[in-house]
Amino acid sequence: MRNNRLAFFEKKLNMMKEALTKSERRIAEYICENPEDFTKMSITELSEKIDTSVAAITRFTKKMGYEKLPDLKMEITRDLEASGNLKYQKQYGNIEESDDVMTVAQKVIQKNIESIQDIEKMLKKEDLEKVLDIMRGARRLIFVGLGGSASVAQDAYHKFMRLGIMVELVTDVHVQGIVSTVGNSEDAVIVVSHEGANTELNMALKIAKSNEMKIIAITQFTQSPLVKLADVSLYTLSREFSYKPEPLISRIAEYSLIDVLYVNYCTQSQEKLEEKLLKISDTVKQFKNYTD
């Protein structure tokens, strides 16, 4: 099914692969093998060509995150146009043993840029607004991340702590179990998890949900157990890159999503927070010496 000309669409397919039915996989395979033909077909022509129903195509379109088939066609067209761009091809190229140090540096930086650009495509206004509504309405924000995701949760904790609101950091699943047990409907849990499939963490989050705690997920896979538990989810999108596995690439996108939430939160609460941020800045300066 792989088509290097459909880089963004392929990444979305990779994210959705476990959730696709046999007929939906057949639709995806046809699109990947015949992208130009697909963009010119009506939904009826496509259903006849693939020998599947119009309803199945409609379901596939919505499952992939597009409102209507023309929206999906537009995304495929953008992918095809981008693949003809030499700079784009360089951006998606893997590292070769023959690459010099600057070429390696350029490819790594371009891959990081790509991961940030992809989350912009994945972001939905209604989801972002819902996340911010939950965060603004919460008495306490609990940032959760295990393993490699812990650094992202810690970054979020450090940022929001500066705002003078009640925040906590959890990087241990057993601590999350305790937090979930004593929490209530005024608490919001923001969980960073690449796959969203950690069994123990999701068990702890089920307890949180039973206590009416709000759950926000930052993850990659739209059909993961975490997403099914969450009140709302924000998605990253990444594929493995030579010497840098998928979860490490997604970390760049996760940090960026935290920045999106932080700046939006500050902007929407500017009058309350501006004085606090200035006081914190003045306090931090007292711990620094610029004269030595």
C-alpha atoms as a PDB file:
ATOM      1  CA  MET A   1       0.000   0.000   0.000  1.00  0.00           C
ATOM      2  CA  ARG A   2       3.038   2.254   0.440  1.00  0.00           C
ATOM      3  CA  ASN A   3       3.176   5.282  -1.871  1.00  0.00           C
ATOM      4  CA  ASN A   4       5.993   7.759  -1.268  1.00  0.00           C
ATOM      5  CA  ARG A   5       4.036  10.343  -3.248  1.00  0.00           C
ATOM      6  CA  LEU A   6       1.282  10.376  -0.616  1.00  0.00           C
ATOM      7  CA  ALA A   7       3.384  11.067   2.456  1.00  0.00           C
ATOM      8  CA  PHE A   8       0.724  12.758   4.621  1.00  0.00           C
ATOM      9  CA  PHE A   9      -2.101  10.423   3.605  1.00  0.00           C
ATOM     10  CA  GLU A  10       0.111   7.374   4.210  1.00  0.00           C
ATOM     11  CA  LYS A  11       0.898   8.581   7.712  1.00  0.00           C
ATOM     12  CA  LYS A  12      -2.796   8.946   8.475  1.00  0.00           C
ATOM     13  CA  LEU A  13      -3.416   5.450   7.122  1.00  0.00           C
ATOM     14  CA  ASN A  14      -0.659   4.090   9.338  1.00  0.00           C
ATOM     15  CA  MET A  15      -2.349   5.708  12.319  1.00  0.00           C
ATOM     16  CA  MET A  16      -5.740   4.236  11.374  1.00  0.00           C
ATOM     17  CA  LYS A  17      -4.706   0.791  10.109  1.00  0.00           C
ATOM     18  CA  GLU A  18      -6.113  -1.183  13.053  1.00  0.00           C
ATOM     19  CA  ALA A  19      -9.506   0.501  12.743  1.00  0.00           C
ATOM     20  CA  LEU A  20     -10.101  -0.085   9.017  1.00  0.00           C
ATOM     21  CA  THR A  21     -12.471  -2.791   7.789  1.00  0.00           C
ATOM     22  CA  LYS A  22     -11.588  -5.037   4.816  1.00  0.00           C
ATOM     23  CA  SER A  23     -13.592  -2.880   2.417  1.00  0.00           C
ATOM     24  CA  GLU A  24     -11.997   0.302   3.809  1.00  0.00           C
ATOM     25  CA  ARG A  25      -8.536  -1.181   3.350  1.00  0.00           C
ATOM     26  CA  ARG A  26      -9.469  -1.933  -0.241  1.00  0.00           C
ATOM     27  CA  ILE A  27     -10.469   1.699  -0.738  1.00  0.00           C
ATOM     28  CA  ALA A  28      -7.192   2.883   0.832  1.00  0.00           C
ATOM     29  CA  GLU A  29      -5.171   0.506  -1.345  1.00  0.00           C
ATOM     30  CA  TYR A  30      -6.848   1.787  -4.507  1.00  0.00           C
ATOM     31  CA  ILE A  31      -6.183   5.426  -3.545  1.00  0.00           C
ATOM     32  CA  CYS A  32      -2.499   4.692  -2.861  1.00  0.00           C
ATOM     33  CA  GLU A  33      -2.034   2.812  -6.130  1.00  0.00           C
ATOM     34  CA  ASN A  34      -4.112   5.195  -8.304  1.00  0.00           C
ATOM     35  CA  PRO A  35      -4.050   8.656  -6.662  1.00  0.00           C
ATOM     36  CA  GLU A  36      -4.465  10.669  -9.880  1.00  0.00           C
ATOM     37  CA  ASP A  37      -7.432   8.572 -11.054  1.00  0.00           C
ATOM     38  CA  PHE A  38      -9.024   8.808  -7.607  1.00  0.00           C
ATOM     39  CA  THR A  39      -9.037  12.618  -7.629  1.00  0.00           C
ATOM     40  CA  LYS A  40     -11.025  12.610 -10.911  1.00  0.00           C
ATOM     41  CA  MET A  41     -13.667  10.028  -9.963  1.00  0.00           C
ATOM     42  CA  SER A  42     -17.156  10.564  -8.613  1.00  0.00           C
ATOM     43  CA  ILE A  43     -18.166   8.545  -5.561  1.00  0.00           C
ATOM     44  CA  THR A  44     -20.335   6.314  -7.784  1.00  0.00           C
ATOM     45  CA  GLU A  45     -17.501   5.649 -10.234  1.00  0.00           C
ATOM     46  CA  LEU A  46     -15.192   4.828  -7.319  1.00  0.00           C
ATOM     47  CA  SER A  47     -17.668   2.390  -5.769  1.00  0.00           C
ATOM     48  CA  GLU A  48     -18.061   0.575  -9.104  1.00  0.00           C
ATOM     49  CA  LYS A  49     -14.308   0.462  -9.710  1.00  0.00           C
ATOM     50  CA  ILE A  50     -13.509  -0.978  -6.262  1.00  0.00           C
ATOM     51  CA  ASP A  51     -16.680  -3.048  -6.071  1.00  0.00           C
ATOM     52  CA  THR A  52     -17.796  -1.549  -2.782  1.00  0.00           C
ATOM     53  CA  SER A  53     -20.752   0.538  -1.607  1.00  0.00           C
ATOM     54  CA  VAL A  54     -21.084   4.317  -1.636  1.00  0.00           C
ATOM     55  CA  ALA A  55     -21.841   4.068   2.087  1.00  0.00           C
ATOM     56  CA  ALA A  56     -18.492   2.306   2.709  1.00  0.00           C
ATOM     57  CA  ILE A  57     -16.626   5.087   0.885  1.00  0.00           C
ATOM     58  CA  THR A  58     -18.481   7.707   2.926  1.00  0.00           C
ATOM     59  CA  ARG A  59     -17.631   5.906   6.179  1.00  0.00           C
ATOM     60  CA  PHE A  60     -13.974   5.607   5.134  1.00  0.00           C
ATOM     61  CA  THR A  61     -13.842   9.329   4.306  1.00  0.00           C
ATOM     62  CA  LYS A  62     -15.213  10.316   7.717  1.00  0.00           C
ATOM     63  CA  LYS A  63     -13.030   7.792   9.541  1.00  0.00           C
ATOM     64  CA  MET A  64      -9.977   9.376   7.922  1.00  0.00           C
ATOM     65  CA  GLY A  65     -11.081  12.737   9.329  1.00  0.00           C
ATOM     66  CA  TYR A  66     -12.653  14.364   6.256  1.00  0.00           C
ATOM     67  CA  GLU A  67     -16.196  15.695   6.140  1.00  0.00           C
ATOM     68  CA  LYS A  68     -16.811  14.890   2.465  1.00  0.00           C
ATOM     69  CA  LEU A  69     -15.090  13.004  -0.366  1.00  0.00           C
ATOM     70  CA  PRO A  70     -13.973  16.258  -2.112  1.00  0.00           C
ATOM     71  CA  ASP A  71     -12.036  17.156   1.064  1.00  0.00           C
ATOM     72  CA  LEU A  72     -10.152  13.860   0.839  1.00  0.00           C
ATOM     73  CA  LYS A  73      -9.513  14.422  -2.875  1.00  0.00           C
ATOM     74  CA  MET A  74      -8.084  17.859  -2.078  1.00  0.00           C
ATOM     75  CA  GLU A  75      -5.676  16.328   0.458  1.00  0.00           C
ATOM     76  CA  ILE A  76      -4.530  13.726  -2.088  1.00  0.00           C
ATOM     77  CA  THR A  77      -4.016  16.502  -4.640  1.00  0.00           C
ATOM     78  CA  ARG A  78      -1.875  18.462  -2.168  1.00  0.00           C
ATOM     79  CA  ASP A  79       0.206  15.356  -1.489  1.00  0.00           C
ATOM     80  CA  LEU A  80       0.768  14.800  -5.208  1.00  0.00           C
ATOM     81  CA  GLU A  81       1.735  18.441  -5.774  1.00  0.00           C
ATOM     82  CA  ALA A  82       4.157  18.359  -2.852  1.00  0.00           C
ATOM     83  CA  SER A  83       5.785  15.146  -4.083  1.00  0.00           C
ATOM     84  CA  GLY A  84       6.799  16.926  -7.276  1.00  0.00           C
ATOM     85  CA  ASN A  85       8.716  19.495  -5.271  1.00  0.00           C
ATOM     86  CA  LEU A  86      12.439  18.628  -4.962  1.00  0.00           C
ATOM     87  CA  LYS A  87      12.693  20.379  -1.593  1.00  0.00           C
ATOM     88  CA  TYR A  88       9.797  18.258  -0.347  1.00  0.00           C
ATOM     89  CA  GLN A  89      11.455  15.067  -1.568  1.00  0.00           C
ATOM     90  CA  LYS A  90      14.634  16.014   0.262  1.00  0.00           C
ATOM     91  CA  GLN A  91      12.591  16.711   3.382  1.00  0.00           C
ATOM     92  CA  TYR A  92      11.117  13.210   3.373  1.00  0.00           C
ATOM     93  CA  GLY A  93      14.375  11.459   2.489  1.00  0.00           C
ATOM     94  CA  ASN A  94      15.910   9.009   4.924  1.00  0.00           C
ATOM     95  CA  ILE A  95      19.484   9.370   6.116  1.00  0.00           C
ATOM     96  CA  GLU A  96      22.031   7.486   4.019  1.00  0.00           C
ATOM     97  CA  GLU A  97      25.464   6.285   5.148  1.00  0.00           C
ATOM     98  CA  SER A  98      27.002   8.453   2.436  1.00  0.00           C
ATOM     99  CA  ASP A  99      25.411  11.672   3.807  1.00  0.00           C
ATOM    100  CA  ASP A 100      27.831  14.241   5.216  1.00  0.00           C
ATOM    101  CA  VAL A 101      27.238  15.869   8.612  1.00  0.00           C
ATOM    102  CA  MET A 102      25.385  18.889   7.201  1.00  0.00           C
ATOM    103  CA  THR A 103      23.093  16.716   5.074  1.00  0.00           C
ATOM    104  CA  VAL A 104      22.237  14.647   8.151  1.00  0.00           C
ATOM    105  CA  ALA A 105      21.576  17.850  10.106  1.00  0.00           C
ATOM    106  CA  GLN A 106      19.300  19.208   7.359  1.00  0.00           C
ATOM    107  CA  LYS A 107      17.307  15.970   7.120  1.00  0.00           C
ATOM    108  CA  VAL A 108      16.808  15.737  10.882  1.00  0.00           C
ATOM    109  CA  ILE A 109      15.699  19.375  11.119  1.00  0.00           C
ATOM    110  CA  GLN A 110      13.361  18.993   8.130  1.00  0.00           C
ATOM    111  CA  LYS A 111      11.804  15.879   9.702  1.00  0.00           C
ATOM    112  CA  ASN A 112      11.161  17.828  12.899  1.00  0.00           C
ATOM    113  CA  ILE A 113       9.619  20.678  10.901  1.00  0.00           C
ATOM    114  CA  GLU A 114       7.450  18.166   9.062  1.00  0.00           C
ATOM    115  CA  SER A 115       6.114  16.694  12.329  1.00  0.00           C
ATOM    116  CA  ILE A 116       5.029  20.173  13.480  1.00  0.00           C
ATOM    117  CA  GLN A 117       3.427  20.988  10.125  1.00  0.00           C
ATOM    118  CA  ASP A 118       1.498  17.727  10.263  1.00  0.00           C
ATOM    119  CA  ILE A 119      -0.114  18.499  13.637  1.00  0.00           C
ATOM    120  CA  GLU A 120      -1.379  21.773  12.181  1.00  0.00           C
ATOM    121  CA  LYS A 121      -3.188  19.707   9.534  1.00  0.00           C
ATOM    122  CA  MET A 122      -4.569  17.379  12.211  1.00  0.00           C
ATOM    123  CA  LEU A 123      -5.836  20.087  14.580  1.00  0.00           C
ATOM    124  CA  LYS A 124      -9.586  20.708  14.662  1.00  0.00           C
ATOM    125  CA  LYS A 125     -10.897  23.993  16.026  1.00  0.00           C
ATOM    126  CA  GLU A 126     -13.773  22.373  17.932  1.00  0.00           C
ATOM    127  CA  ASP A 127     -11.429  19.907  19.684  1.00  0.00           C
ATOM    128  CA  LEU A 128      -8.960  22.631  20.630  1.00  0.00           C
ATOM    129  CA  GLU A 129     -11.764  24.819  21.994  1.00  0.00           C
ATOM    130  CA  LYS A 130     -13.154  21.908  24.006  1.00  0.00           C
ATOM    131  CA  VAL A 131      -9.725  21.173  25.526  1.00  0.00           C
ATOM    132  CA  LEU A 132      -9.279  24.812  26.537  1.00  0.00           C
ATOM    133  CA  ASP A 133     -12.799  24.981  27.989  1.00  0.00           C
ATOM    134  CA  ILE A 134     -12.039  21.929  30.146  1.00  0.00           C
ATOM    135  CA  MET A 135      -8.688  23.351  31.265  1.00  0.00           C
ATOM    136  CA  ARG A 136     -10.093  26.785  32.108  1.00  0.00           C
ATOM    137  CA  GLY A 137     -12.962  25.249  34.048  1.00  0.00           C
ATOM    138  CA  ALA A 138     -10.808  22.863  36.086  1.00  0.00           C
ATOM    139  CA  ARG A 139      -9.805  23.412  39.705  1.00  0.00           C
ATOM    140  CA  ARG A 140      -6.656  21.349  39.160  1.00  0.00           C
ATOM    141  CA  LEU A 141      -4.659  20.341  36.058  1.00  0.00           C
ATOM    142  CA  ILE A 142      -2.833  16.999  36.292  1.00  0.00           C
ATOM    143  CA  PHE A 143      -0.210  16.392  33.599  1.00  0.00           C
ATOM    144  CA  VAL A 144       0.583  12.710  33.068  1.00  0.00           C
ATOM    145  CA  GLY A 145       3.363  11.052  31.081  1.00  0.00           C
ATOM    146  CA  LEU A 146       5.185   7.754  31.506  1.00  0.00           C
ATOM    147  CA  GLY A 147       8.588   6.784  30.100  1.00  0.00           C
ATOM    148  CA  GLY A 148       9.595   8.980  27.179  1.00  0.00           C
ATOM    149  CA  SER A 149       6.365  10.987  27.492  1.00  0.00           C
ATOM    150  CA  ALA A 150       7.319  12.105  31.004  1.00  0.00           C
ATOM    151  CA  SER A 151       9.537  14.907  29.667  1.00  0.00           C
ATOM    152  CA  VAL A 152       6.599  16.387  27.733  1.00  0.00           C
ATOM    153  CA  ALA A 153       4.321  16.211  30.782  1.00  0.00           C
ATOM    154  CA  GLN A 154       7.066  17.850  32.859  1.00  0.00           C
ATOM    155  CA  ASP A 155       7.423  20.649  30.296  1.00  0.00           C
ATOM    156  CA  ALA A 156       3.654  21.255  30.465  1.00  0.00           C
ATOM    157  CA  TYR A 157       3.717  21.209  34.278  1.00  0.00           C
ATOM    158  CA  HIS A 158       6.559  23.735  34.369  1.00  0.00           C
ATOM    159  CA  LYS A 159       4.791  26.096  31.958  1.00  0.00           C
ATOM    160  CA  PHE A 160       1.380  26.044  33.634  1.00  0.00           C
ATOM    161  CA  MET A 161       2.880  26.221  37.141  1.00  0.00           C
ATOM    162  CA  ARG A 162       4.052  29.725  36.246  1.00  0.00           C
ATOM    163  CA  LEU A 163       0.450  30.845  35.864  1.00  0.00           C
ATOM    164  CA  GLY A 164      -0.334  30.440  39.548  1.00  0.00           C
ATOM    165  CA  ILE A 165      -2.948  27.750  39.004  1.00  0.00           C
ATOM    166  CA  MET A 166      -3.135  24.380  40.753  1.00  0.00           C
ATOM    167  CA  VAL A 167      -1.082  21.878  38.714  1.00  0.00           C
ATOM    168  CA  GLU A 168       0.406  18.444  39.377  1.00  0.00           C
ATOM    169  CA  LEU A 169       2.864  16.205  37.537  1.00  0.00           C
ATOM    170  CA  VAL A 170       2.459  12.414  37.481  1.00  0.00           C
ATOM    171  CA  THR A 171       5.111  10.173  35.905  1.00  0.00           C
ATOM    172  CA  ASP A 172       4.337   6.954  37.812  1.00  0.00           C
ATOM    173  CA  VAL A 173       1.313   4.795  37.052  1.00  0.00           C
ATOM    174  CA  HIS A 174       0.736   3.844  40.696  1.00  0.00           C
ATOM    175  CA  VAL A 175       0.699   7.514  41.697  1.00  0.00           C
ATOM    176  CA  GLN A 176      -1.839   8.074  38.914  1.00  0.00           C
ATOM    177  CA  GLY A 177      -3.966   5.341  40.475  1.00  0.00           C
ATOM    178  CA  ILE A 178      -3.990   7.256  43.762  1.00  0.00           C
ATOM    179  CA  VAL A 179      -4.663  10.596  42.068  1.00  0.00           C
ATOM    180  CA  SER A 180      -7.544   9.022  40.128  1.00  0.00           C
ATOM    181  CA  THR A 181      -9.048   7.572  43.307  1.00  0.00           C
ATOM    182  CA  VAL A 182      -9.126  10.880  45.202  1.00  0.00           C
ATOM    183  CA  GLY A 183     -10.019  13.108  42.234  1.00  0.00           C
ATOM    184  CA  ASN A 184     -13.384  14.552  41.282  1.00  0.00           C
ATOM    185  CA  SER A 185     -15.284  16.371  38.533  1.00  0.00           C
ATOM    186  CA  GLU A 186     -13.299  19.576  39.090  1.00  0.00           C
ATOM    187  CA  ASP A 187     -10.032  17.928  38.022  1.00  0.00           C
ATOM    188  CA  ALA A 188      -8.665  17.627  34.477  1.00  0.00           C
ATOM    189  CA  VAL A 189      -6.075  14.996  33.538  1.00  0.00           C
ATOM    190  CA  ILE A 190      -3.925  15.796  30.484  1.00  0.00           C
ATOM    191  CA  VAL A 191      -2.300  12.535  29.349  1.00  0.00           C
ATOM    192  CA  VAL A 192       0.633  12.394  26.924  1.00  0.00           C
ATOM    193  CA  SER A 193       0.950   8.896  25.420  1.00  0.00           C
ATOM    194  CA  HIS A 194       2.223   8.090  21.933  1.00  0.00           C
ATOM    195  CA  GLU A 195       0.326   4.811  21.474  1.00  0.00           C
ATOM    196  CA  GLY A 196      -2.316   5.242  24.197  1.00  0.00           C
ATOM    197  CA  ALA A 197      -2.152   1.516  24.933  1.00  0.00           C
ATOM    198  CA  ASN A 198      -0.466   1.274  28.358  1.00  0.00           C
ATOM    199  CA  THR A 199      -2.750  -1.152  30.193  1.00  0.00           C
ATOM    200  CA  GLU A 200      -1.946  -0.001  33.736  1.00  0.00           C
ATOM    201  CA  LEU A 201      -2.247   3.678  32.874  1.00  0.00           C
ATOM    202  CA  ASN A 202      -5.587   3.150  31.162  1.00  0.00           C
ATOM    203  CA  MET A 203      -6.833   1.190  34.175  1.00  0.00           C
ATOM    204  CA  ALA A 204      -5.945   4.157  36.392  1.00  0.00           C
ATOM    205  CA  LEU A 205      -7.695   6.505  33.968  1.00  0.00           C
ATOM    206  CA  LYS A 206     -10.842   4.365  34.098  1.00  0.00           C
ATOM    207  CA  ILE A 207     -10.915   5.066  37.829  1.00  0.00           C
ATOM    208  CA  ALA A 208     -10.498   8.781  37.074  1.00  0.00           C
ATOM    209  CA  LYS A 209     -13.393   8.623  34.620  1.00  0.00           C
ATOM    210  CA  SER A 210     -15.605   6.844  37.187  1.00  0.00           C
ATOM    211  CA  ASN A 211     -14.918   9.784  39.526  1.00  0.00           C
ATOM    212  CA  GLU A 212     -15.992  12.199  36.747  1.00  0.00           C
ATOM    213  CA  MET A 213     -12.492  13.610  36.220  1.00  0.00           C
ATOM    214  CA  LYS A 214     -12.084  15.098  32.736  1.00  0.00           C
ATOM    215  CA  ILE A 215      -9.507  13.344  30.525  1.00  0.00           C
ATOM    216  CA  ILE A 216      -7.606  15.037  27.681  1.00  0.00           C
ATOM    217  CA  ALA A 217      -5.379  12.833  25.504  1.00  0.00           C
ATOM    218  CA  ILE A 218      -2.359  13.881  23.444  1.00  0.00           C
ATOM    219  CA  THR A 219      -1.607  10.829  21.312  1.00  0.00           C
ATOM    220  CA  GLN A 220      -1.095   9.498  17.805  1.00  0.00           C
ATOM    221  CA  PHE A 221      -3.537   6.636  17.289  1.00  0.00           C
ATOM    222  CA  THR A 222      -7.179   7.638  16.895  1.00  0.00           C
ATOM    223  CA  GLN A 223      -8.544   4.187  17.789  1.00  0.00           C
ATOM    224  CA  SER A 224      -6.424   3.537  20.891  1.00  0.00           C
ATOM    225  CA  PRO A 225      -7.917   2.559  24.278  1.00  0.00           C
ATOM    226  CA  LEU A 226      -6.817   5.963  25.640  1.00  0.00           C
ATOM    227  CA  VAL A 227      -8.841   7.845  23.008  1.00  0.00           C
ATOM    228  CA  LYS A 228     -11.926   5.824  23.925  1.00  0.00           C
ATOM    229  CA  LEU A 229     -11.518   6.918  27.550  1.00  0.00           C
ATOM    230  CA  ALA A 230     -10.774  10.576  26.820  1.00  0.00           C
ATOM    231  CA  ASP A 231     -13.324  13.377  26.724  1.00  0.00           C
ATOM    232  CA  VAL A 232     -11.344  14.930  23.875  1.00  0.00           C
ATOM    233  CA  SER A 233      -8.103  14.061  22.059  1.00  0.00           C
ATOM    234  CA  LEU A 234      -5.439  16.010  20.173  1.00  0.00           C
ATOM    235  CA  TYR A 235      -3.343  14.046  17.684  1.00  0.00           C
ATOM    236  CA  THR A 236       0.259  13.954  16.558  1.00  0.00           C
ATOM    237  CA  LEU A 237       1.289  12.341  13.293  1.00  0.00           C
ATOM    238  CA  SER A 238       4.667  10.768  12.584  1.00  0.00           C
ATOM    239  CA  ARG A 239       6.429   7.913  10.854  1.00  0.00           C
ATOM    240  CA  GLU A 240       9.692   6.222  11.715  1.00  0.00           C
ATOM    241  CA  PHE A 241      12.766   8.010  10.410  1.00  0.00           C
ATOM    242  CA  SER A 242      16.203   6.374  10.122  1.00  0.00           C
ATOM    243  CA  TYR A 243      17.955   6.301  13.524  1.00  0.00           C
ATOM    244  CA  LYS A 244      14.938   8.025  15.099  1.00  0.00           C
ATOM    245  CA  PRO A 245      11.931   5.798  15.912  1.00  0.00           C
ATOM    246  CA  GLU A 246       8.353   7.042  15.614  1.00  0.00           C
ATOM    247  CA  PRO A 247       7.780   7.859  19.328  1.00  0.00           C
ATOM    248  CA  LEU A 248      10.850  10.129  19.377  1.00  0.00           C
ATOM    249  CA  ILE A 249       9.663  12.010  16.298  1.00  0.00           C
ATOM    250  CA  SER A 250       6.215  12.444  17.824  1.00  0.00           C
ATOM    251  CA  ARG A 251       7.828  14.052  20.886  1.00  0.00           C
ATOM    252  CA  ILE A 252       8.529  17.204  18.846  1.00  0.00           C
ATOM    253  CA  ALA A 253       4.842  17.422  17.929  1.00  0.00           C
ATOM    254  CA  GLU A 254       3.768  16.778  21.541  1.00  0.00           C
ATOM    255  CA  TYR A 255       5.930  19.647  22.824  1.00  0.00           C
ATOM    256  CA  SER A 256       4.400  21.873  20.148  1.00  0.00           C
ATOM    257  CA  LEU A 257       0.856  20.922  21.159  1.00  0.00           C
ATOM    258  CA  ILE A 258       1.662  21.838  24.772  1.00  0.00           C
ATOM    259  CA  ASP A 259       2.869  25.236  23.514  1.00  0.00           C
ATOM    260  CA  VAL A 260      -0.379  25.671  21.569  1.00  0.00           C
ATOM    261  CA  LEU A 261      -2.397  24.976  24.728  1.00  0.00           C
ATOM    262  CA  TYR A 262      -0.214  27.178  26.935  1.00  0.00           C
ATOM    263  CA  VAL A 263      -0.262  30.236  24.665  1.00  0.00           C
ATOM    264  CA  ASN A 264      -4.000  29.893  24.012  1.00  0.00           C
ATOM    265  CA  TYR A 265      -4.654  29.563  27.746  1.00  0.00           C
ATOM    266  CA  CYS A 266      -2.587  32.697  28.439  1.00  0.00           C
ATOM    267  CA  THR A 267      -4.195  34.660  25.616  1.00  0.00           C
ATOM    268  CA  GLN A 268      -7.717  33.871  26.778  1.00  0.00           C
ATOM    269  CA  SER A 269      -6.854  34.747  30.386  1.00  0.00           C
ATOM    270  CA  GLN A 270      -4.538  37.687  29.664  1.00  0.00           C
ATOM    271  CA  GLU A 271      -5.822  40.143  32.270  1.00  0.00           C
ATOM    272  CA  LYS A 272      -5.474  37.648  35.140  1.00  0.00           C
ATOM    273  CA  LEU A 273      -2.121  36.181  34.136  1.00  0.00           C
ATOM    274  CA  GLU A 274      -0.033  39.063  32.819  1.00  0.00           C
ATOM    275  CA  GLU A 275       0.829  40.417  36.287  1.00  0.00           C
ATOM    276  CA  LYS A 276       1.736  36.918  37.578  1.00  0.00           C
ATOM    277  CA  LEU A 277       4.046  36.250  34.643  1.00  0.00           C
ATOM    278  CA  LEU A 278       5.828  39.573  35.168  1.00  0.00           C
ATOM    279  CA  LYS A 279       6.298  38.849  38.886  1.00  0.00           C
ATOM    280  CA  ILE A 280       7.722  35.397  38.124  1.00  0.00           C
ATOM    281  CA  SER A 281      10.115  36.875  35.552  1.00  0.00           C
ATOM    282  CA  ASP A 282      11.342  39.430  38.107  1.00  0.00           C
ATOM    283  CA  THR A 283      11.776  36.712  40.758  1.00  0.00           C
ATOM    284  CA  VAL A 284      13.754  34.419  38.449  1.00  0.00           C
ATOM    285  CA  LYS A 285      16.104  37.304  37.549  1.00  0.00           C
ATOM    286  CA  GLN A 286      17.092  37.562  41.234  1.00  0.00           C
ATOM    287  CA  PHE A 287      18.669  34.090  40.991  1.00  0.00           C
ATOM    288  CA  LYS A 288      20.896  35.108  38.075  1.00  0.00           C
ATOM    289  CA  ASN A 289      24.136  37.041  37.968  1.00  0.00           C
ATOM    290  CA  TYR A 290      25.040  38.644  34.641  1.00  0.00           C
ATOM    291  CA  THR A 291      28.150  40.505  35.869  1.00  0.00           C
ATOM    292  CA  ASP A 292      30.618  37.672  36.626  1.00  0.00           C
END
